[in-house]
Amino acid sequence: MIRTILILILLSTLFISGCECLSGFGRDLQKAGSWIERNTG
């Protein structure tokens, strides 16, 4: 449950920050995913 909320918050943050293209969005999403994996361990 908490993980789902974190993912939603991160995704909304990425959209708000304004990703300009799909490749940039993919890189940001990959960074966010790896950050989640490191912190949820």
N, C-alpha and C. Protein backbone atom coordinates (compact mmCIF):
# COMPACT_ATOMS: atom_id res chain seq x y z
N MET A 1 0.83 -1.20 0.00
CA MET A 1 0.00 0.00 0.00
C MET A 1 0.87 1.26 0.00
N ILE A 2 1.82 1.31 0.92
CA ILE A 2 2.71 2.47 0.99
C ILE A 2 3.52 2.60 -0.28
N ARG A 3 3.97 1.46 -0.82
CA ARG A 3 4.76 1.48 -2.05
C ARG A 3 3.93 2.06 -3.21
N THR A 4 2.67 1.67 -3.29
CA THR A 4 1.79 2.20 -4.34
C THR A 4 1.65 3.70 -4.22
N ILE A 5 1.47 4.19 -2.99
CA ILE A 5 1.33 5.63 -2.77
C ILE A 5 2.61 6.35 -3.18
N LEU A 6 3.76 5.78 -2.82
CA LEU A 6 5.04 6.39 -3.21
C LEU A 6 5.16 6.48 -4.72
N ILE A 7 4.79 5.42 -5.42
CA ILE A 7 4.88 5.40 -6.88
C ILE A 7 3.97 6.49 -7.46
N LEU A 8 2.76 6.60 -6.94
CA LEU A 8 1.84 7.63 -7.43
C LEU A 8 2.38 9.03 -7.19
N ILE A 9 2.94 9.26 -6.02
CA ILE A 9 3.52 10.57 -5.72
C ILE A 9 4.67 10.88 -6.67
N LEU A 10 5.55 9.91 -6.89
CA LEU A 10 6.68 10.12 -7.77
C LEU A 10 6.23 10.39 -9.20
N LEU A 11 5.25 9.63 -9.67
CA LEU A 11 4.75 9.83 -11.03
C LEU A 11 4.13 11.22 -11.18
N SER A 12 3.33 11.63 -10.21
CA SER A 12 2.71 12.95 -10.30
C SER A 12 3.77 14.04 -10.25
N THR A 13 4.81 13.83 -9.46
CA THR A 13 5.90 14.80 -9.39
C THR A 13 6.59 14.91 -10.75
N LEU A 14 6.82 13.78 -11.39
CA LEU A 14 7.47 13.80 -12.71
C LEU A 14 6.60 14.55 -13.72
N PHE A 15 5.29 14.32 -13.69
CA PHE A 15 4.41 15.01 -14.63
C PHE A 15 4.36 16.50 -14.35
N ILE A 16 4.33 16.87 -13.08
CA ILE A 16 4.28 18.29 -12.71
C ILE A 16 5.55 19.00 -13.15
N SER A 17 6.69 18.31 -12.99
CA SER A 17 7.96 18.93 -13.37
C SER A 17 8.06 19.10 -14.88
N GLY A 18 7.20 18.44 -15.63
CA GLY A 18 7.11 18.67 -17.06
C GLY A 18 8.17 17.95 -17.89
N CYS A 19 8.03 16.65 -18.00
CA CYS A 19 8.94 15.90 -18.87
C CYS A 19 8.62 16.27 -20.32
N GLU A 20 9.63 16.65 -21.06
CA GLU A 20 9.38 17.20 -22.40
C GLU A 20 9.26 16.13 -23.48
N CYS A 21 9.85 14.95 -23.25
CA CYS A 21 9.74 13.91 -24.27
C CYS A 21 9.69 12.54 -23.61
N LEU A 22 9.33 11.54 -24.39
CA LEU A 22 9.17 10.19 -23.84
C LEU A 22 10.49 9.61 -23.36
N SER A 23 11.58 9.88 -24.07
CA SER A 23 12.87 9.32 -23.64
C SER A 23 13.30 9.95 -22.32
N GLY A 24 13.07 11.24 -22.17
CA GLY A 24 13.37 11.92 -20.91
C GLY A 24 12.51 11.37 -19.79
N PHE A 25 11.24 11.12 -20.09
CA PHE A 25 10.32 10.55 -19.11
C PHE A 25 10.78 9.17 -18.70
N GLY A 26 11.24 8.39 -19.68
CA GLY A 26 11.73 7.04 -19.39
C GLY A 26 12.92 7.07 -18.45
N ARG A 27 13.83 8.00 -18.69
CA ARG A 27 15.01 8.11 -17.81
C ARG A 27 14.59 8.51 -16.40
N ASP A 28 13.68 9.48 -16.30
CA ASP A 28 13.21 9.91 -14.98
C ASP A 28 12.51 8.76 -14.26
N LEU A 29 11.70 8.02 -15.00
CA LEU A 29 10.97 6.90 -14.41
C LEU A 29 11.93 5.83 -13.93
N GLN A 30 12.98 5.59 -14.70
CA GLN A 30 13.98 4.59 -14.32
C GLN A 30 14.70 5.03 -13.05
N LYS A 31 15.04 6.30 -12.94
CA LYS A 31 15.69 6.82 -11.73
C LYS A 31 14.76 6.65 -10.53
N ALA A 32 13.50 7.01 -10.71
CA ALA A 32 12.53 6.89 -9.62
C ALA A 32 12.37 5.44 -9.20
N GLY A 33 12.31 4.54 -10.18
CA GLY A 33 12.18 3.11 -9.88
C GLY A 33 13.36 2.58 -9.11
N SER A 34 14.55 2.95 -9.51
CA SER A 34 15.74 2.47 -8.81
C SER A 34 15.81 3.07 -7.41
N TRP A 35 15.36 4.30 -7.25
CA TRP A 35 15.33 4.94 -5.93
C TRP A 35 14.37 4.19 -5.01
N ILE A 36 13.20 3.81 -5.54
CA ILE A 36 12.21 3.07 -4.75
C ILE A 36 12.80 1.73 -4.32
N GLU A 37 13.45 1.05 -5.27
CA GLU A 37 14.02 -0.26 -4.95
C GLU A 37 15.08 -0.16 -3.87
N ARG A 38 15.92 0.87 -3.93
CA ARG A 38 16.96 1.04 -2.92
C ARG A 38 16.35 1.33 -1.54
N ASN A 39 15.30 2.11 -1.50
CA ASN A 39 14.74 2.54 -0.22
C ASN A 39 13.74 1.57 0.39
N THR A 40 13.16 0.67 -0.42
CA THR A 40 12.26 -0.31 0.15
C THR A 40 12.98 -1.61 0.47
N GLY A 41 14.15 -1.81 -0.16
CA GLY A 41 15.04 -2.92 0.10
C GLY A 41 14.36 -4.23 0.31
